[in-house]
Structure formats: structure tokens, C-alpha cells
Protein backbone atom coordinates (compact mmCIF):
# COMPACT_ATOMS: atom_id res chain seq x y z
CA MET A 1 156.16 163.89 140.44
CA GLN A 2 155.59 160.40 140.61
CA THR A 3 153.69 157.73 139.67
CA ALA A 4 152.47 155.18 141.03
CA LYS A 5 153.81 151.39 140.02
CA SER A 6 150.94 149.39 137.66
CA GLN A 7 149.67 146.42 139.52
CA PRO A 8 150.33 143.18 138.11
CA ALA A 9 147.38 141.57 136.65
CA GLN A 10 145.73 139.76 139.83
CA PHE A 11 143.62 136.31 138.93
CA ASP A 12 140.05 136.59 139.64
CA ARG A 13 138.77 133.33 140.60
CA ALA A 14 135.28 134.72 141.78
CA SER A 15 135.17 137.02 138.90
CA GLN A 16 135.72 133.80 136.41
CA GLU A 17 132.99 131.21 138.13
CA ARG A 18 130.49 134.17 137.98
CA ARG A 19 131.09 133.91 134.29
CA ALA A 20 131.11 130.82 134.13
CA MET A 21 127.40 130.94 135.74
CA LEU A 22 126.09 133.27 133.82
CA GLY A 23 127.75 131.47 129.95
CA LYS A 24 125.51 128.02 131.33
CA ILE A 25 122.01 130.01 131.82
CA HIS A 26 122.57 131.47 128.19
CA VAL A 27 122.94 127.45 127.22
CA ALA A 28 119.98 126.71 129.23
CA ARG A 29 117.64 129.48 127.37
CA LYS A 30 119.38 128.15 124.12
CA GLN A 31 118.44 124.48 125.26
CA LEU A 32 114.55 125.34 126.45
CA ALA A 33 113.87 128.33 123.81
CA MET A 34 112.69 129.82 126.08
CA ASP A 35 111.23 133.43 125.29
CA GLU A 36 112.08 136.57 126.46
CA ASP A 37 108.69 137.08 128.56
CA ASP A 38 108.59 133.95 130.12
CA TYR A 39 112.79 134.15 131.36
CA ARG A 40 111.81 137.51 132.31
CA GLN A 41 109.52 136.43 134.70
CA GLY A 42 110.61 133.30 136.07
CA LEU A 43 114.16 135.58 136.83
CA PHE A 44 111.95 138.04 138.73
CA ASP A 45 109.96 135.87 140.40
CA THR A 46 113.43 133.53 141.44
CA THR A 47 115.29 136.62 142.39
CA GLY A 48 113.21 140.07 142.31
CA LYS A 49 115.56 141.24 139.92
CA THR A 50 114.88 142.28 136.07
CA SER A 51 118.69 141.53 134.82
CA LEU A 52 121.45 139.01 135.54
CA THR A 53 123.92 141.64 135.51
CA GLU A 54 121.62 143.08 139.22
CA CYS A 55 122.41 139.96 140.31
CA ASN A 56 124.77 138.21 142.85
CA ASP A 57 125.91 135.04 142.44
CA LEU A 58 124.04 133.47 144.59
CA GLN A 59 120.66 134.99 142.62
CA LEU A 60 122.45 133.26 139.96
CA ALA A 61 122.57 130.16 141.31
CA ARG A 62 119.24 129.91 142.02
CA VAL A 63 118.28 131.68 138.58
CA LEU A 64 120.62 128.15 137.33
CA ASP A 65 118.28 125.92 139.65
CA TRP A 66 114.91 127.36 137.99
CA LEU A 67 115.89 126.44 134.45
CA LYS A 68 117.13 123.19 135.34
CA SER A 69 113.91 122.52 137.19
CA LYS A 70 112.51 123.54 133.59
CA GLY A 71 114.51 120.60 131.90
CA PHE A 72 118.09 122.20 131.13
CA ARG A 73 120.51 119.47 130.94
CA PRO A 74 124.00 120.42 130.86
CA MET A 75 125.59 119.25 128.54
CA PRO A 76 128.53 116.24 129.21
CA GLY A 77 131.90 117.81 130.25
CA ARG A 78 130.87 120.48 131.17
CA GLY A 79 133.40 120.77 133.58
CA LYS A 80 136.35 120.66 131.25
CA ALA A 81 137.91 123.74 130.09
CA ASP A 82 136.23 124.93 126.55
CA HIS A 83 138.71 127.85 125.32
CA PRO A 84 140.96 127.80 122.25
CA MET A 85 144.29 126.74 124.30
CA ALA A 86 142.81 124.07 126.28
CA ARG A 87 141.21 121.72 122.80
CA LYS A 88 144.57 122.36 121.00
CA ALA A 89 146.08 121.53 124.73
CA ARG A 90 143.98 118.74 125.08
CA ALA A 91 144.05 117.25 121.34
CA LEU A 92 148.36 117.73 122.04
CA TRP A 93 147.99 115.67 125.46
CA ILE A 94 145.54 112.79 124.19
CA SER A 95 148.35 112.69 120.69
CA LEU A 96 151.12 112.40 123.27
CA TYR A 97 149.51 109.31 125.42
CA HIS A 98 148.74 107.50 122.15
CA LEU A 99 152.60 107.89 121.92
CA GLY A 100 153.53 106.71 125.45
CA ALA A 101 155.04 109.69 126.35
CA VAL A 102 152.30 110.52 129.26
CA HIS A 103 150.65 107.58 130.56
CA ASN A 104 147.45 109.38 132.26
CA SER A 105 144.79 110.68 129.30
CA SER A 106 141.82 112.50 131.47
CA GLU A 107 141.39 115.51 131.80
CA GLN A 108 142.23 115.57 135.90
CA ALA A 109 145.82 114.53 134.60
CA LEU A 110 145.76 117.26 132.13
CA GLU A 111 144.80 120.07 134.25
CA ALA A 112 147.27 118.88 136.94
CA PHE A 113 149.99 119.35 134.27
CA ALA A 114 148.86 122.62 132.91
CA LYS A 115 148.41 123.63 136.58
CA ARG A 116 152.23 123.46 137.21
CA GLN A 117 152.80 125.45 134.10
CA LEU A 118 150.58 128.19 134.27
CA GLY A 119 150.40 128.14 138.19
CA CYS A 120 145.93 128.72 137.75
CA ASP A 121 144.14 126.12 139.45
CA ARG A 122 141.94 125.94 136.90
CA LEU A 123 142.40 125.37 132.82
CA GLN A 124 139.03 127.33 132.13
CA TRP A 125 140.07 130.19 134.37
CA ALA A 126 143.64 130.84 132.51
CA LYS A 127 144.75 133.81 131.02
CA GLN A 128 145.11 133.03 126.72
CA SER A 129 147.70 135.27 126.80
CA ASP A 130 149.49 132.58 128.46
CA ALA A 131 148.53 129.95 126.08
CA PHE A 132 152.55 129.47 124.43
CA ARG A 133 153.64 128.64 127.58
CA LEU A 134 151.84 125.43 128.42
CA ILE A 135 151.52 124.38 124.08
CA GLU A 136 155.41 124.67 124.01
CA ALA A 137 155.75 122.46 127.28
CA LEU A 138 153.86 120.21 125.67
CA LYS A 139 155.77 120.66 122.01
CA SER A 140 158.19 120.13 124.21
CA MET A 141 157.73 116.83 125.43
CA ALA A 142 156.31 115.76 122.32
CA ALA A 143 160.16 116.83 120.87
CA ARG A 144 161.81 114.95 123.36
CA ALA A 145 159.98 111.87 122.13
CA GLY A 146 160.61 112.17 118.73
CA TRP A 147 157.41 113.64 117.09
CA ILE A 148 158.26 116.98 115.64
CA GLN A 149 155.90 119.89 115.50
CA HIS A 150 157.35 122.29 112.21
CA CYS A 151 159.26 121.26 109.41
CA ARG A 152 162.98 121.56 109.44
CA VAL A 153 163.57 122.94 107.03
CA SER A 154 161.04 126.05 106.66
CA GLY A 155 160.41 126.59 110.83
CA LYS A 156 156.98 126.46 110.09
CA GLN A 157 154.51 124.56 112.13
CA LEU A 158 153.35 121.53 110.52
CA ASP A 159 149.52 121.34 109.32
CA PRO A 160 147.26 118.94 111.25
CA ARG A 161 147.46 116.36 108.82
CA THR A 162 151.19 115.90 108.59
CA LEU A 163 151.20 116.16 112.36
CA GLN A 164 149.37 112.84 112.53
CA SER A 165 150.41 110.85 110.05
CA SER A 166 153.76 111.25 111.54
CA LEU A 167 152.51 110.74 114.86
CA CYS A 168 151.13 107.52 113.75
CA HIS A 169 154.72 106.51 111.67
CA LEU A 170 156.09 107.60 114.78
CA ILE A 171 153.90 104.74 117.14
CA LEU A 172 154.46 102.56 114.66
CA ALA A 173 158.04 102.57 114.29
CA LYS A 174 157.49 101.80 118.46
CA LEU A 175 155.56 98.69 117.64
CA LYS A 176 158.43 97.83 114.43
CA ALA A 177 161.22 97.70 116.89
CA ALA A 178 159.77 96.07 119.59
CA GLY A 179 159.02 93.59 117.62
CA MET A 180 155.39 93.55 117.38
CA ALA A 181 154.97 94.98 113.50
CA PRO A 182 156.80 93.39 110.82
CA ALA A 183 159.83 95.59 109.36
CA ASP A 184 158.32 96.63 106.07
CA TRP A 185 154.34 97.13 107.78
CA GLY A 186 153.14 100.57 106.60
CA LEU A 187 150.38 102.38 108.02
CA HIS A 188 147.39 100.68 106.03
CA ASP A 189 149.45 97.46 106.75
CA ALA A 190 148.63 98.24 110.57
CA ALA A 191 146.02 99.83 110.12
CA TRP A 192 143.70 96.37 109.21
CA LYS A 193 146.39 93.87 110.25
CA LEU A 194 147.14 95.03 113.91
CA CYS A 195 144.35 97.22 114.48
CA GLY A 196 141.48 95.69 112.16
CA ILE A 197 140.32 99.39 111.16
CA GLU A 198 138.49 98.20 107.45
CA ASN A 199 139.16 100.75 104.55
CA ALA A 200 142.32 101.63 105.60
CA LYS A 201 143.13 101.71 101.63
CA ALA A 202 141.60 104.72 101.30
CA ASP A 203 143.08 107.86 100.22
CA PRO A 204 143.91 110.53 100.91
CA TRP A 205 143.55 110.04 104.85
CA THR A 206 141.99 112.80 106.27
CA ALA A 207 143.15 113.89 109.58
CA GLU A 208 139.85 112.49 111.28
CA ASP A 209 141.53 109.17 110.05
CA TYR A 210 144.92 109.29 111.91
CA ASP A 211 143.61 110.39 114.73
CA ARG A 212 142.00 107.55 114.86
CA LEU A 213 144.56 105.25 113.89
CA ALA A 214 146.97 106.78 116.15
CA ALA A 215 144.39 105.55 119.28
CA ALA A 216 144.24 102.14 117.46
CA LEU A 217 148.14 102.79 117.66
CA GLY A 218 148.28 103.69 120.83
CA ARG A 219 146.25 100.99 122.51
CA LYS A 220 148.56 98.27 120.82
CA LEU A 221 151.60 100.21 122.19
CA ARG A 222 150.18 99.26 125.62
CA GLU A 223 148.38 96.72 124.96
CA PHE A 224 152.01 95.13 124.95
CA GLY A 225 153.19 96.88 127.72
CA THR A 226 156.33 98.87 125.59
CA PRO A 227 157.23 101.33 128.16
CA ALA A 228 157.43 105.21 127.16
CA THR A 229 160.50 107.02 126.12
CA GLY A 230 161.06 110.54 127.50
CA GLY A 231 157.37 109.74 129.31
CA HIS A 232 155.67 112.50 132.10
CA ALA A 233 154.31 110.30 134.92
CA ALA A 234 151.00 112.31 134.38
């Protein structure tokens, strides 16, 4: 007896958009601190339904409009993908921008890169099971630019603080090679003397401190017009 061949999972854009609207409605209820009775009454007055699951997409849009009329304001950056894959990819993308490996740090540039890697129109709609493809592509870009993501001895992924420290050292090395910083400068010297970051002698630095320094060093790299090595046109 022949069994039907399983079909590959299809990307359901309509379903993703519906889930996004449902998510916004739940966020709006929390933001407005709306009690159950008021919410249910408004839902019925707006759609004639008593549950979101009974609403079609047009009715969900009406519910969102009603909630906005009550004072709901979507958070800034609401168009950004916010799942774990996107957050990790965004952090890598911005770090690569500081390093000069990509030339555009915008969300639109990251989305374009992700689309080429995943074949998905929006990063927000990407399957989390495909995350490794995007992250590994970004790590490969980092490696080509000299920023190693793993321990050379154990092969394990470096922790965030160590990764950001090595990123800052690498950007400073580029500045030194271009004659923009003295050869004997360390990160503390560059932080204060080149970037004007106060309290640069505080130790140990946190991952957030290194993030701040990487951004400042990256600005100096772009300010002096240092060409990117192994860069990406995005």
C-alpha cells in the first residue's frame, strides 16, 4: 500500500500576520490595564464576537483600531523581529558594522541579508529551526574579518564579555594599523584618549561596557575612512 509522501512545510504568511495582530492585541490590553468586562464588551461592540479566535483578520484589525482609540500606542521599533534568532543576528550584525565588515547597520540591511540566507520575506516570520543558517553566515563574515567566535583550544563558543573584548581589541588593531592610534595603546587608553569614555579604568569591564567601547571605536574607524576588510556591501 502506497503512503502519501509528506509535503515540506510551507511558509504561511497569512498565519504569521494573524499571530502578529493577536500579539499586538494582548500587548494593548496589558498596556491599557483593561479589565476583562470592558475588553469583552468592546470586542463584542466592535466585531459582534465574544472571542478573538472567532474573528477574521479584518475584525482583528478593527479591534486594534478600537484599542488605539482607547490610547494604545505600539512600542517603538514594533516592526523589528523580536525572537531569539533575530536578537542574536541583530547583535552580530551591529558588531560587524563596528568592525567595518558591513557598511549599513540598519534593520532594513539586516532584513535583506536574512532574506538572502533564509529565503523568507521577513525575519519575524522565519522558522527558528533555520536560525543556524543565518547565525553561521554572520559568524563566517566575522571570521573573515578576523573576529573569531570560538575558543581555538576547546572549540566552544566564547562568552559575550570575551567576544566583545576581542571585538574591541580587533577594532583597535585596525586603528593602530592605519596610524590612528599609537602602537602601545591598550583598550583603556583608547577608551579615554580616543573615544572620551570616562571611568575607562574601571575593571573588570562588563559586556555592556565593551559594547559601548566597540561602538565608539567603530565610529572612529568610519570617521577616519578606514576601508573594511572582508566587508559586505549591505
